[in-house]
Amino acid sequence: MELAGSLRMPVDADLAVAGVVLVGGSGPTDRDNGTYFPPIQQHLAEAGFAVLSYDKRGVGQSSGDWRAATMDDLAADAGAALGFLRARPEARPQAVGLFGHSEGGWVALRASAGRGDLPWVVTSSCPGVSPAEQERYALGNHLKGLHGEGHPEVRGTLDLYDQLAEAGRRNADFSTAQQLVDDAGAPPGLAYYWGDVDERLWSFLKRKQDHDPTPDLLRLRCPHLALFGGADPTVPVADSIRVFASAACHSARLQRAALTVEVFPGGDHRRRAADSAALVPGYLDKVSQWLADRVGPSTGGSG
């Protein structure tokens, strides 16, 4: 299998630089993660960092199939991208880390867990809860937007979602899951979750739905920056922060693996301001400064 991606270098870098590998979110995400990664790449490159992003397996120019992948497979892909950037002569190998968005945060945590050679890991809108809990939260917010708080359709559709989750835990096949949807009259609001699900995607969802990020959080050996939007309708931010903080306070967590949490009020899942494509003020500066404080964008060292 081969991964394809893009590497952006600082324009005027004449010394070895620190580097960032961007790991995309759920679904068929390419190296740009829609429109989210390009402004991050540009800002970090201007701040003196090398930035690598890649097409998820089976997307763009990368081979394979993400729907057939496990969390370990996706983490291995992130690790391969990390190794590629660390091997570049323009990069300082010990100053290259991972930035994972949404599902990519789980991937970055898995790829970072237990490694003592990483300077840091950044997660962006990464849920601290399981995929099943996060999807239910997002679906609930979508349904409330459609029908209003307390509408019977909200409860009925969430009950159907719970039935699907339980079917996944029983390893029910796709036809059985689809029958549950059909028997419930295929409520329109469920399309937010179920609209694109086919047999291969159902197998992927079943495989990952109860993923628990806590074991990876406990095994971190590097500082962790967790970024959230205060108005994220997709991720239960407060619950996620509690999980991250609990792991950081655990006796198994190394002292070096300090946790920094930044919540940007008014920011959505991609840290955009309300009704705007623009990122919330201060977001990119906060990220680049946090990274520079730990590794420096460029010092000329090779360690």
C-alpha atoms as a PDB file:
ATOM      1  CA  MET A   1       0.000   0.000   0.000  1.00  0.00           C
ATOM      2  CA  GLU A   2       1.189   3.529  -0.801  1.00  0.00           C
ATOM      3  CA  LEU A   3       0.201   6.838   0.740  1.00  0.00           C
ATOM      4  CA  ALA A   4       0.315  10.068  -1.263  1.00  0.00           C
ATOM      5  CA  GLY A   5       0.529  13.503   0.260  1.00  0.00           C
ATOM      6  CA  SER A   6       1.880  17.028   0.119  1.00  0.00           C
ATOM      7  CA  LEU A   7       4.855  18.533   1.942  1.00  0.00           C
ATOM      8  CA  ARG A   8       5.006  22.262   2.524  1.00  0.00           C
ATOM      9  CA  MET A   9       8.312  23.808   3.608  1.00  0.00           C
ATOM     10  CA  PRO A  10       9.028  27.266   4.994  1.00  0.00           C
ATOM     11  CA  VAL A  11       9.977  29.550   2.105  1.00  0.00           C
ATOM     12  CA  ASP A  12      13.163  30.941   3.568  1.00  0.00           C
ATOM     13  CA  ALA A  13      14.277  28.042   5.745  1.00  0.00           C
ATOM     14  CA  ASP A  14      18.041  27.521   5.516  1.00  0.00           C
ATOM     15  CA  LEU A  15      18.243  25.463   8.700  1.00  0.00           C
ATOM     16  CA  ALA A  16      16.695  22.136   9.691  1.00  0.00           C
ATOM     17  CA  VAL A  17      13.161  22.781  10.892  1.00  0.00           C
ATOM     18  CA  ALA A  18      10.542  21.251  13.166  1.00  0.00           C
ATOM     19  CA  GLY A  19       7.697  19.446  11.457  1.00  0.00           C
ATOM     20  CA  VAL A  20       3.997  18.677  11.734  1.00  0.00           C
ATOM     21  CA  VAL A  21       2.110  15.728  10.226  1.00  0.00           C
ATOM     22  CA  LEU A  22      -1.596  16.457   9.757  1.00  0.00           C
ATOM     23  CA  VAL A  23      -3.958  13.479  10.154  1.00  0.00           C
ATOM     24  CA  GLY A  24      -7.446  13.899   8.671  1.00  0.00           C
ATOM     25  CA  GLY A  25     -10.816  13.115  10.208  1.00  0.00           C
ATOM     26  CA  SER A  26     -13.485  10.522   9.515  1.00  0.00           C
ATOM     27  CA  GLY A  27     -14.674   9.325   6.136  1.00  0.00           C
ATOM     28  CA  PRO A  28     -12.847   9.670   2.804  1.00  0.00           C
ATOM     29  CA  THR A  29     -10.625  12.574   3.846  1.00  0.00           C
ATOM     30  CA  ASP A  30      -7.918  13.757   1.494  1.00  0.00           C
ATOM     31  CA  ARG A  31      -4.721  15.650   2.285  1.00  0.00           C
ATOM     32  CA  ASP A  32      -6.676  18.914   2.624  1.00  0.00           C
ATOM     33  CA  ASN A  33      -9.336  17.451   4.943  1.00  0.00           C
ATOM     34  CA  GLY A  34     -11.876  19.346   2.867  1.00  0.00           C
ATOM     35  CA  THR A  35     -10.961  22.991   3.386  1.00  0.00           C
ATOM     36  CA  TYR A  36      -9.696  22.718   6.961  1.00  0.00           C
ATOM     37  CA  PHE A  37      -6.003  21.915   6.521  1.00  0.00           C
ATOM     38  CA  PRO A  38      -4.793  24.454   3.897  1.00  0.00           C
ATOM     39  CA  PRO A  39      -4.929  27.522   6.199  1.00  0.00           C
ATOM     40  CA  ILE A  40      -3.232  25.514   8.945  1.00  0.00           C
ATOM     41  CA  GLN A  41      -0.516  24.409   6.520  1.00  0.00           C
ATOM     42  CA  GLN A  42       0.037  27.941   5.327  1.00  0.00           C
ATOM     43  CA  HIS A  43       0.199  29.405   8.819  1.00  0.00           C
ATOM     44  CA  LEU A  44       2.560  26.753  10.174  1.00  0.00           C
ATOM     45  CA  ALA A  45       4.856  27.007   7.139  1.00  0.00           C
ATOM     46  CA  GLU A  46       4.985  30.777   7.566  1.00  0.00           C
ATOM     47  CA  ALA A  47       5.813  30.173  11.237  1.00  0.00           C
ATOM     48  CA  GLY A  48       8.813  28.071  10.185  1.00  0.00           C
ATOM     49  CA  PHE A  49       7.477  24.510  10.306  1.00  0.00           C
ATOM     50  CA  ALA A  50       7.560  21.780   7.661  1.00  0.00           C
ATOM     51  CA  VAL A  51       3.996  20.474   7.214  1.00  0.00           C
ATOM     52  CA  LEU A  52       3.047  17.107   5.723  1.00  0.00           C
ATOM     53  CA  SER A  53      -0.506  15.971   5.023  1.00  0.00           C
ATOM     54  CA  TYR A  54      -1.656  12.859   3.191  1.00  0.00           C
ATOM     55  CA  ASP A  55      -4.638  11.253   1.502  1.00  0.00           C
ATOM     56  CA  LYS A  56      -6.231   8.609   3.688  1.00  0.00           C
ATOM     57  CA  ARG A  57      -5.829   5.092   2.319  1.00  0.00           C
ATOM     58  CA  GLY A  58      -8.212   4.607  -0.615  1.00  0.00           C
ATOM     59  CA  VAL A  59      -8.688   8.372  -1.083  1.00  0.00           C
ATOM     60  CA  GLY A  60      -7.106  10.630  -3.693  1.00  0.00           C
ATOM     61  CA  GLN A  61      -3.811   9.134  -4.801  1.00  0.00           C
ATOM     62  CA  SER A  62      -3.392   6.721  -1.876  1.00  0.00           C
ATOM     63  CA  SER A  63      -4.045   3.022  -2.385  1.00  0.00           C
ATOM     64  CA  GLY A  64      -5.984   0.727  -0.068  1.00  0.00           C
ATOM     65  CA  ASP A  65      -9.418   1.113   1.536  1.00  0.00           C
ATOM     66  CA  TRP A  66     -10.003   3.039   4.764  1.00  0.00           C
ATOM     67  CA  ARG A  67     -13.240   1.131   5.327  1.00  0.00           C
ATOM     68  CA  ALA A  68     -11.254  -2.075   5.667  1.00  0.00           C
ATOM     69  CA  ALA A  69      -8.828  -0.507   8.134  1.00  0.00           C
ATOM     70  CA  THR A  70      -8.586  -0.841  11.895  1.00  0.00           C
ATOM     71  CA  MET A  71      -7.505   1.953  14.240  1.00  0.00           C
ATOM     72  CA  ASP A  72      -4.092   0.281  14.337  1.00  0.00           C
ATOM     73  CA  ASP A  73      -3.937   0.366  10.531  1.00  0.00           C
ATOM     74  CA  LEU A  74      -4.739   4.078  10.441  1.00  0.00           C
ATOM     75  CA  ALA A  75      -2.212   4.720  13.210  1.00  0.00           C
ATOM     76  CA  ALA A  76       0.400   2.813  11.215  1.00  0.00           C
ATOM     77  CA  ASP A  77      -0.305   5.112   8.256  1.00  0.00           C
ATOM     78  CA  ALA A  78       0.201   8.163  10.482  1.00  0.00           C
ATOM     79  CA  GLY A  79       3.401   6.604  11.785  1.00  0.00           C
ATOM     80  CA  ALA A  80       4.626   6.045   8.231  1.00  0.00           C
ATOM     81  CA  ALA A  81       3.965   9.697   7.389  1.00  0.00           C
ATOM     82  CA  LEU A  82       5.780  10.711  10.561  1.00  0.00           C
ATOM     83  CA  GLY A  83       8.757   8.541   9.620  1.00  0.00           C
ATOM     84  CA  PHE A  84       8.831  10.013   6.112  1.00  0.00           C
ATOM     85  CA  LEU A  85       8.985  13.580   7.400  1.00  0.00           C
ATOM     86  CA  ARG A  86      11.545  12.752  10.088  1.00  0.00           C
ATOM     87  CA  ALA A  87      13.796  11.214   7.425  1.00  0.00           C
ATOM     88  CA  ARG A  88      13.795  14.373   5.296  1.00  0.00           C
ATOM     89  CA  PRO A  89      17.142  16.196   5.440  1.00  0.00           C
ATOM     90  CA  GLU A  90      15.305  19.507   5.947  1.00  0.00           C
ATOM     91  CA  ALA A  91      13.621  18.264   9.142  1.00  0.00           C
ATOM     92  CA  ARG A  92      14.856  17.859  12.702  1.00  0.00           C
ATOM     93  CA  PRO A  93      13.854  14.247  13.428  1.00  0.00           C
ATOM     94  CA  GLN A  94      13.184  14.711  17.139  1.00  0.00           C
ATOM     95  CA  ALA A  95      11.084  17.832  16.509  1.00  0.00           C
ATOM     96  CA  VAL A  96       8.354  16.268  14.349  1.00  0.00           C
ATOM     97  CA  GLY A  97       4.941  15.468  15.823  1.00  0.00           C
ATOM     98  CA  LEU A  98       1.347  14.631  14.920  1.00  0.00           C
ATOM     99  CA  PHE A  99      -1.730  16.863  14.610  1.00  0.00           C
ATOM    100  CA  GLY A 100      -4.930  14.806  14.339  1.00  0.00           C
ATOM    101  CA  HIS A 101      -8.346  16.260  13.614  1.00  0.00           C
ATOM    102  CA  SER A 102     -11.548  14.641  14.913  1.00  0.00           C
ATOM    103  CA  GLU A 103     -11.241  10.875  14.258  1.00  0.00           C
ATOM    104  CA  GLY A 104      -7.665  11.705  13.283  1.00  0.00           C
ATOM    105  CA  GLY A 105      -7.122  12.673  16.916  1.00  0.00           C
ATOM    106  CA  TRP A 106      -7.808   9.088  17.974  1.00  0.00           C
ATOM    107  CA  VAL A 107      -5.423   7.970  15.247  1.00  0.00           C
ATOM    108  CA  ALA A 108      -2.716  10.412  16.371  1.00  0.00           C
ATOM    109  CA  LEU A 109      -3.093   9.323  19.996  1.00  0.00           C
ATOM    110  CA  ARG A 110      -2.809   5.659  19.015  1.00  0.00           C
ATOM    111  CA  ALA A 111       0.255   6.418  16.869  1.00  0.00           C
ATOM    112  CA  SER A 112       1.849   8.424  19.701  1.00  0.00           C
ATOM    113  CA  ALA A 113       1.075   6.077  22.592  1.00  0.00           C
ATOM    114  CA  GLY A 114       4.154   4.544  24.142  1.00  0.00           C
ATOM    115  CA  ARG A 115       6.584   6.475  21.954  1.00  0.00           C
ATOM    116  CA  GLY A 116       9.302   8.372  23.783  1.00  0.00           C
ATOM    117  CA  ASP A 117      10.722  10.021  20.677  1.00  0.00           C
ATOM    118  CA  LEU A 118       7.928  12.502  19.948  1.00  0.00           C
ATOM    119  CA  PRO A 119       8.045  16.143  21.070  1.00  0.00           C
ATOM    120  CA  TRP A 120       4.258  16.498  21.353  1.00  0.00           C
ATOM    121  CA  VAL A 121       0.891  15.468  19.952  1.00  0.00           C
ATOM    122  CA  VAL A 122      -1.997  17.791  19.073  1.00  0.00           C
ATOM    123  CA  THR A 123      -5.627  16.699  18.867  1.00  0.00           C
ATOM    124  CA  SER A 124      -8.231  18.918  17.222  1.00  0.00           C
ATOM    125  CA  SER A 125     -11.899  18.309  18.127  1.00  0.00           C
ATOM    126  CA  CYS A 126     -11.001  14.781  19.215  1.00  0.00           C
ATOM    127  CA  PRO A 127     -13.741  13.160  21.294  1.00  0.00           C
ATOM    128  CA  GLY A 128     -12.809  11.740  24.657  1.00  0.00           C
ATOM    129  CA  VAL A 129     -15.852   9.471  24.412  1.00  0.00           C
ATOM    130  CA  SER A 130     -16.353   6.495  22.117  1.00  0.00           C
ATOM    131  CA  PRO A 131     -17.369   6.891  18.462  1.00  0.00           C
ATOM    132  CA  ALA A 132     -20.822   5.510  19.318  1.00  0.00           C
ATOM    133  CA  GLU A 133     -21.327   8.141  22.038  1.00  0.00           C
ATOM    134  CA  GLN A 134     -19.965  10.924  19.839  1.00  0.00           C
ATOM    135  CA  GLU A 135     -22.203   9.980  16.904  1.00  0.00           C
ATOM    136  CA  ARG A 136     -25.245   9.885  19.193  1.00  0.00           C
ATOM    137  CA  TYR A 137     -24.412  13.336  20.524  1.00  0.00           C
ATOM    138  CA  ALA A 138     -24.020  14.741  17.009  1.00  0.00           C
ATOM    139  CA  LEU A 139     -27.206  13.072  15.784  1.00  0.00           C
ATOM    140  CA  GLY A 140     -29.117  14.412  18.779  1.00  0.00           C
ATOM    141  CA  ASN A 141     -28.018  17.976  18.032  1.00  0.00           C
ATOM    142  CA  HIS A 142     -28.958  17.537  14.378  1.00  0.00           C
ATOM    143  CA  LEU A 143     -32.409  16.241  15.294  1.00  0.00           C
ATOM    144  CA  LYS A 144     -33.022  19.066  17.767  1.00  0.00           C
ATOM    145  CA  GLY A 145     -32.177  21.501  14.995  1.00  0.00           C
ATOM    146  CA  LEU A 146     -34.707  19.818  12.717  1.00  0.00           C
ATOM    147  CA  HIS A 147     -37.574  19.254  15.132  1.00  0.00           C
ATOM    148  CA  GLY A 148     -36.907  21.305  18.254  1.00  0.00           C
ATOM    149  CA  GLU A 149     -36.042  20.248  21.784  1.00  0.00           C
ATOM    150  CA  GLY A 150     -38.333  17.566  23.208  1.00  0.00           C
ATOM    151  CA  HIS A 151     -40.009  16.590  19.928  1.00  0.00           C
ATOM    152  CA  PRO A 152     -41.075  12.903  19.841  1.00  0.00           C
ATOM    153  CA  GLU A 153     -39.166  12.429  16.587  1.00  0.00           C
ATOM    154  CA  VAL A 154     -35.921  13.190  18.425  1.00  0.00           C
ATOM    155  CA  ARG A 155     -36.451  10.450  21.010  1.00  0.00           C
ATOM    156  CA  GLY A 156     -37.712   7.940  18.459  1.00  0.00           C
ATOM    157  CA  THR A 157     -34.760   8.432  16.128  1.00  0.00           C
ATOM    158  CA  LEU A 158     -32.227   8.277  18.960  1.00  0.00           C
ATOM    159  CA  ASP A 159     -33.860   5.048  20.161  1.00  0.00           C
ATOM    160  CA  LEU A 160     -33.381   3.643  16.665  1.00  0.00           C
ATOM    161  CA  TYR A 161     -29.748   4.764  16.726  1.00  0.00           C
ATOM    162  CA  ASP A 162     -29.304   2.889  20.022  1.00  0.00           C
ATOM    163  CA  GLN A 163     -30.760  -0.229  18.408  1.00  0.00           C
ATOM    164  CA  LEU A 164     -28.276   0.076  15.553  1.00  0.00           C
ATOM    165  CA  ALA A 165     -25.399   0.475  17.993  1.00  0.00           C
ATOM    166  CA  GLU A 166     -26.482  -2.651  19.853  1.00  0.00           C
ATOM    167  CA  ALA A 167     -26.802  -4.495  16.540  1.00  0.00           C
ATOM    168  CA  GLY A 168     -23.233  -3.493  15.793  1.00  0.00           C
ATOM    169  CA  ARG A 169     -22.072  -4.884  19.126  1.00  0.00           C
ATOM    170  CA  ARG A 170     -23.764  -8.169  18.241  1.00  0.00           C
ATOM    171  CA  ASN A 171     -21.905  -8.066  14.908  1.00  0.00           C
ATOM    172  CA  ALA A 172     -25.204  -8.065  13.012  1.00  0.00           C
ATOM    173  CA  ASP A 173     -24.842  -7.968   9.242  1.00  0.00           C
ATOM    174  CA  PHE A 174     -25.829  -4.973   7.160  1.00  0.00           C
ATOM    175  CA  SER A 175     -29.147  -6.417   6.021  1.00  0.00           C
ATOM    176  CA  THR A 176     -30.193  -6.907   9.656  1.00  0.00           C
ATOM    177  CA  ALA A 177     -29.259  -3.317  10.482  1.00  0.00           C
ATOM    178  CA  GLN A 178     -31.055  -1.995   7.412  1.00  0.00           C
ATOM    179  CA  GLN A 179     -34.162  -3.951   8.411  1.00  0.00           C
ATOM    180  CA  LEU A 180     -34.176  -2.115  11.743  1.00  0.00           C
ATOM    181  CA  VAL A 181     -34.175   1.172   9.850  1.00  0.00           C
ATOM    182  CA  ASP A 182     -36.906   0.042   7.459  1.00  0.00           C
ATOM    183  CA  ASP A 183     -39.095  -1.314  10.265  1.00  0.00           C
ATOM    184  CA  ALA A 184     -38.865   2.074  11.994  1.00  0.00           C
ATOM    185  CA  GLY A 185     -40.034   3.844   8.836  1.00  0.00           C
ATOM    186  CA  ALA A 186     -36.590   5.240   7.999  1.00  0.00           C
ATOM    187  CA  PRO A 187     -37.064   8.528   9.893  1.00  0.00           C
ATOM    188  CA  PRO A 188     -35.666  11.358   7.741  1.00  0.00           C
ATOM    189  CA  GLY A 189     -33.421  12.720  10.491  1.00  0.00           C
ATOM    190  CA  LEU A 190     -31.503   9.442  10.676  1.00  0.00           C
ATOM    191  CA  ALA A 191     -30.029  10.176   7.241  1.00  0.00           C
ATOM    192  CA  TYR A 192     -27.504  12.403   9.025  1.00  0.00           C
ATOM    193  CA  TYR A 193     -25.950   9.188  10.358  1.00  0.00           C
ATOM    194  CA  TRP A 194     -27.259   6.439   8.072  1.00  0.00           C
ATOM    195  CA  GLY A 195     -27.529   8.133   4.670  1.00  0.00           C
ATOM    196  CA  ASP A 196     -24.206   6.893   3.268  1.00  0.00           C
ATOM    197  CA  VAL A 197     -23.956   3.603   5.137  1.00  0.00           C
ATOM    198  CA  ASP A 198     -23.493   0.515   2.971  1.00  0.00           C
ATOM    199  CA  GLU A 199     -22.190  -2.950   3.765  1.00  0.00           C
ATOM    200  CA  ARG A 200     -18.517  -1.962   3.810  1.00  0.00           C
ATOM    201  CA  LEU A 201     -19.086   1.197   5.839  1.00  0.00           C
ATOM    202  CA  TRP A 202     -21.282  -0.718   8.293  1.00  0.00           C
ATOM    203  CA  SER A 203     -18.419  -3.147   8.884  1.00  0.00           C
ATOM    204  CA  PHE A 204     -16.093  -0.198   9.591  1.00  0.00           C
ATOM    205  CA  LEU A 205     -18.573   1.455  11.950  1.00  0.00           C
ATOM    206  CA  LYS A 206     -19.074  -1.775  13.884  1.00  0.00           C
ATOM    207  CA  ARG A 207     -15.331  -2.237  14.236  1.00  0.00           C
ATOM    208  CA  LYS A 208     -14.623   1.201  15.654  1.00  0.00           C
ATOM    209  CA  GLN A 209     -17.836   2.157  17.497  1.00  0.00           C
ATOM    210  CA  ASP A 210     -16.606   1.320  21.005  1.00  0.00           C
ATOM    211  CA  HIS A 211     -13.064   2.592  20.605  1.00  0.00           C
ATOM    212  CA  ASP A 212     -11.835   3.981  23.943  1.00  0.00           C
ATOM    213  CA  PRO A 213      -9.086   6.619  23.722  1.00  0.00           C
ATOM    214  CA  THR A 214      -8.205   6.383  27.433  1.00  0.00           C
ATOM    215  CA  PRO A 215      -5.610   3.574  27.165  1.00  0.00           C
ATOM    216  CA  ASP A 216      -3.739   5.595  24.540  1.00  0.00           C
ATOM    217  CA  LEU A 217      -4.004   8.739  26.667  1.00  0.00           C
ATOM    218  CA  LEU A 218      -2.494   6.879  29.626  1.00  0.00           C
ATOM    219  CA  ARG A 219       0.430   5.697  27.500  1.00  0.00           C
ATOM    220  CA  LEU A 220       1.384   9.134  26.178  1.00  0.00           C
ATOM    221  CA  ARG A 221       5.002  10.038  26.787  1.00  0.00           C
ATOM    222  CA  CYS A 222       4.886  13.544  25.314  1.00  0.00           C
ATOM    223  CA  PRO A 223       2.956  16.790  25.916  1.00  0.00           C
ATOM    224  CA  HIS A 224      -0.583  16.865  24.539  1.00  0.00           C
ATOM    225  CA  LEU A 225      -2.437  19.927  23.250  1.00  0.00           C
ATOM    226  CA  ALA A 226      -6.209  19.324  23.006  1.00  0.00           C
ATOM    227  CA  LEU A 227      -8.111  21.889  20.920  1.00  0.00           C
ATOM    228  CA  PHE A 228     -11.886  22.333  20.949  1.00  0.00           C
ATOM    229  CA  GLY A 229     -14.516  24.707  19.638  1.00  0.00           C
ATOM    230  CA  GLY A 230     -16.899  25.865  22.327  1.00  0.00           C
ATOM    231  CA  ALA A 231     -19.848  25.657  19.920  1.00  0.00           C
ATOM    232  CA  ASP A 232     -18.972  22.267  18.407  1.00  0.00           C
ATOM    233  CA  PRO A 233     -22.267  20.444  17.651  1.00  0.00           C
ATOM    234  CA  THR A 234     -20.451  17.215  16.816  1.00  0.00           C
ATOM    235  CA  VAL A 235     -18.306  16.487  19.878  1.00  0.00           C
ATOM    236  CA  PRO A 236     -19.351  16.592  23.561  1.00  0.00           C
ATOM    237  CA  VAL A 237     -16.607  19.023  24.524  1.00  0.00           C
ATOM    238  CA  ALA A 238     -17.094  19.141  28.301  1.00  0.00           C
ATOM    239  CA  ASP A 239     -17.272  15.338  28.574  1.00  0.00           C
ATOM    240  CA  SER A 240     -14.186  14.988  26.370  1.00  0.00           C
ATOM    241  CA  ILE A 241     -12.186  17.426  28.473  1.00  0.00           C
ATOM    242  CA  ARG A 242     -13.124  15.498  31.617  1.00  0.00           C
ATOM    243  CA  VAL A 243     -11.795  12.276  30.060  1.00  0.00           C
ATOM    244  CA  PHE A 244      -8.558  13.922  28.924  1.00  0.00           C
ATOM    245  CA  ALA A 245      -8.054  15.557  32.334  1.00  0.00           C
ATOM    246  CA  SER A 246      -8.771  12.320  34.192  1.00  0.00           C
ATOM    247  CA  ALA A 247      -6.160  10.503  32.117  1.00  0.00           C
ATOM    248  CA  ALA A 248      -3.643  13.299  32.704  1.00  0.00           C
ATOM    249  CA  CYS A 249      -4.183  12.968  36.472  1.00  0.00           C
ATOM    250  CA  HIS A 250      -3.752   9.192  36.462  1.00  0.00           C
ATOM    251  CA  SER A 251      -0.714   7.751  38.209  1.00  0.00           C
ATOM    252  CA  ALA A 252       0.176   5.828  35.040  1.00  0.00           C
ATOM    253  CA  ARG A 253       0.648   9.028  33.026  1.00  0.00           C
ATOM    254  CA  LEU A 254       4.245  10.266  32.776  1.00  0.00           C
ATOM    255  CA  GLN A 255       4.947  13.743  34.140  1.00  0.00           C
ATOM    256  CA  ARG A 256       6.363  14.766  30.779  1.00  0.00           C
ATOM    257  CA  ALA A 257       2.993  14.093  29.153  1.00  0.00           C
ATOM    258  CA  ALA A 258       1.447  17.348  30.341  1.00  0.00           C
ATOM    259  CA  LEU A 259      -2.010  18.234  29.062  1.00  0.00           C
ATOM    260  CA  THR A 260      -2.920  21.645  27.671  1.00  0.00           C
ATOM    261  CA  VAL A 261      -6.571  22.282  26.769  1.00  0.00           C
ATOM    262  CA  GLU A 262      -7.702  25.224  24.651  1.00  0.00           C
ATOM    263  CA  VAL A 263     -11.415  25.867  24.083  1.00  0.00           C
ATOM    264  CA  PHE A 264     -12.242  28.595  21.572  1.00  0.00           C
ATOM    265  CA  PRO A 265     -15.643  30.109  22.419  1.00  0.00           C
ATOM    266  CA  GLY A 266     -17.955  30.302  19.427  1.00  0.00           C
ATOM    267  CA  GLY A 267     -15.829  27.935  17.361  1.00  0.00           C
ATOM    268  CA  ASP A 268     -17.417  24.935  15.647  1.00  0.00           C
ATOM    269  CA  HIS A 269     -15.949  21.493  14.938  1.00  0.00           C
ATOM    270  CA  ARG A 270     -13.320  23.046  12.668  1.00  0.00           C
ATOM    271  CA  ARG A 271     -12.857  26.138  14.826  1.00  0.00           C
ATOM    272  CA  ARG A 272     -14.834  28.354  12.458  1.00  0.00           C
ATOM    273  CA  ALA A 273     -16.757  31.293  13.811  1.00  0.00           C
ATOM    274  CA  ALA A 274     -20.557  31.158  13.635  1.00  0.00           C
ATOM    275  CA  ASP A 275     -21.958  31.506  10.105  1.00  0.00           C
ATOM    276  CA  SER A 276     -18.465  32.063   8.724  1.00  0.00           C
ATOM    277  CA  ALA A 277     -15.783  30.167   6.864  1.00  0.00           C
ATOM    278  CA  ALA A 278     -13.135  32.071   8.816  1.00  0.00           C
ATOM    279  CA  LEU A 279     -11.310  30.475  11.731  1.00  0.00           C
ATOM    280  CA  VAL A 280     -11.902  31.989  15.154  1.00  0.00           C
ATOM    281  CA  PRO A 281      -9.409  34.745  16.043  1.00  0.00           C
ATOM    282  CA  GLY A 282      -6.232  33.588  17.698  1.00  0.00           C
ATOM    283  CA  TYR A 283      -6.610  29.895  16.892  1.00  0.00           C
ATOM    284  CA  LEU A 284      -3.692  29.465  14.496  1.00  0.00           C
ATOM    285  CA  ASP A 285      -1.389  31.706  16.523  1.00  0.00           C
ATOM    286  CA  LYS A 286      -2.124  29.674  19.638  1.00  0.00           C
ATOM    287  CA  VAL A 287      -1.213  26.431  17.866  1.00  0.00           C
ATOM    288  CA  SER A 288       2.036  27.669  16.324  1.00  0.00           C
ATOM    289  CA  GLN A 289       3.147  29.343  19.571  1.00  0.00           C
ATOM    290  CA  TRP A 290       2.476  26.205  21.621  1.00  0.00           C
ATOM    291  CA  LEU A 291       4.507  24.135  19.177  1.00  0.00           C
ATOM    292  CA  ALA A 292       7.347  26.659  19.023  1.00  0.00           C
ATOM    293  CA  ASP A 293       7.523  26.795  22.816  1.00  0.00           C
ATOM    294  CA  ARG A 294       8.244  23.070  22.854  1.00  0.00           C
ATOM    295  CA  VAL A 295      10.519  22.534  19.863  1.00  0.00           C
ATOM    296  CA  GLY A 296      11.109  25.888  18.157  1.00  0.00           C
ATOM    297  CA  PRO A 297      10.298  26.182  14.441  1.00  0.00           C
ATOM    298  CA  SER A 298      13.976  26.163  13.423  1.00  0.00           C
ATOM    299  CA  THR A 299      17.211  26.107  15.416  1.00  0.00           C
ATOM    300  CA  GLY A 300      19.588  24.445  13.018  1.00  0.00           C
ATOM    301  CA  GLY A 301      19.965  21.400  15.261  1.00  0.00           C
ATOM    302  CA  SER A 302      19.609  17.889  13.926  1.00  0.00           C
ATOM    303  CA  GLY A 303      18.625  16.114  17.109  1.00  0.00           C
END
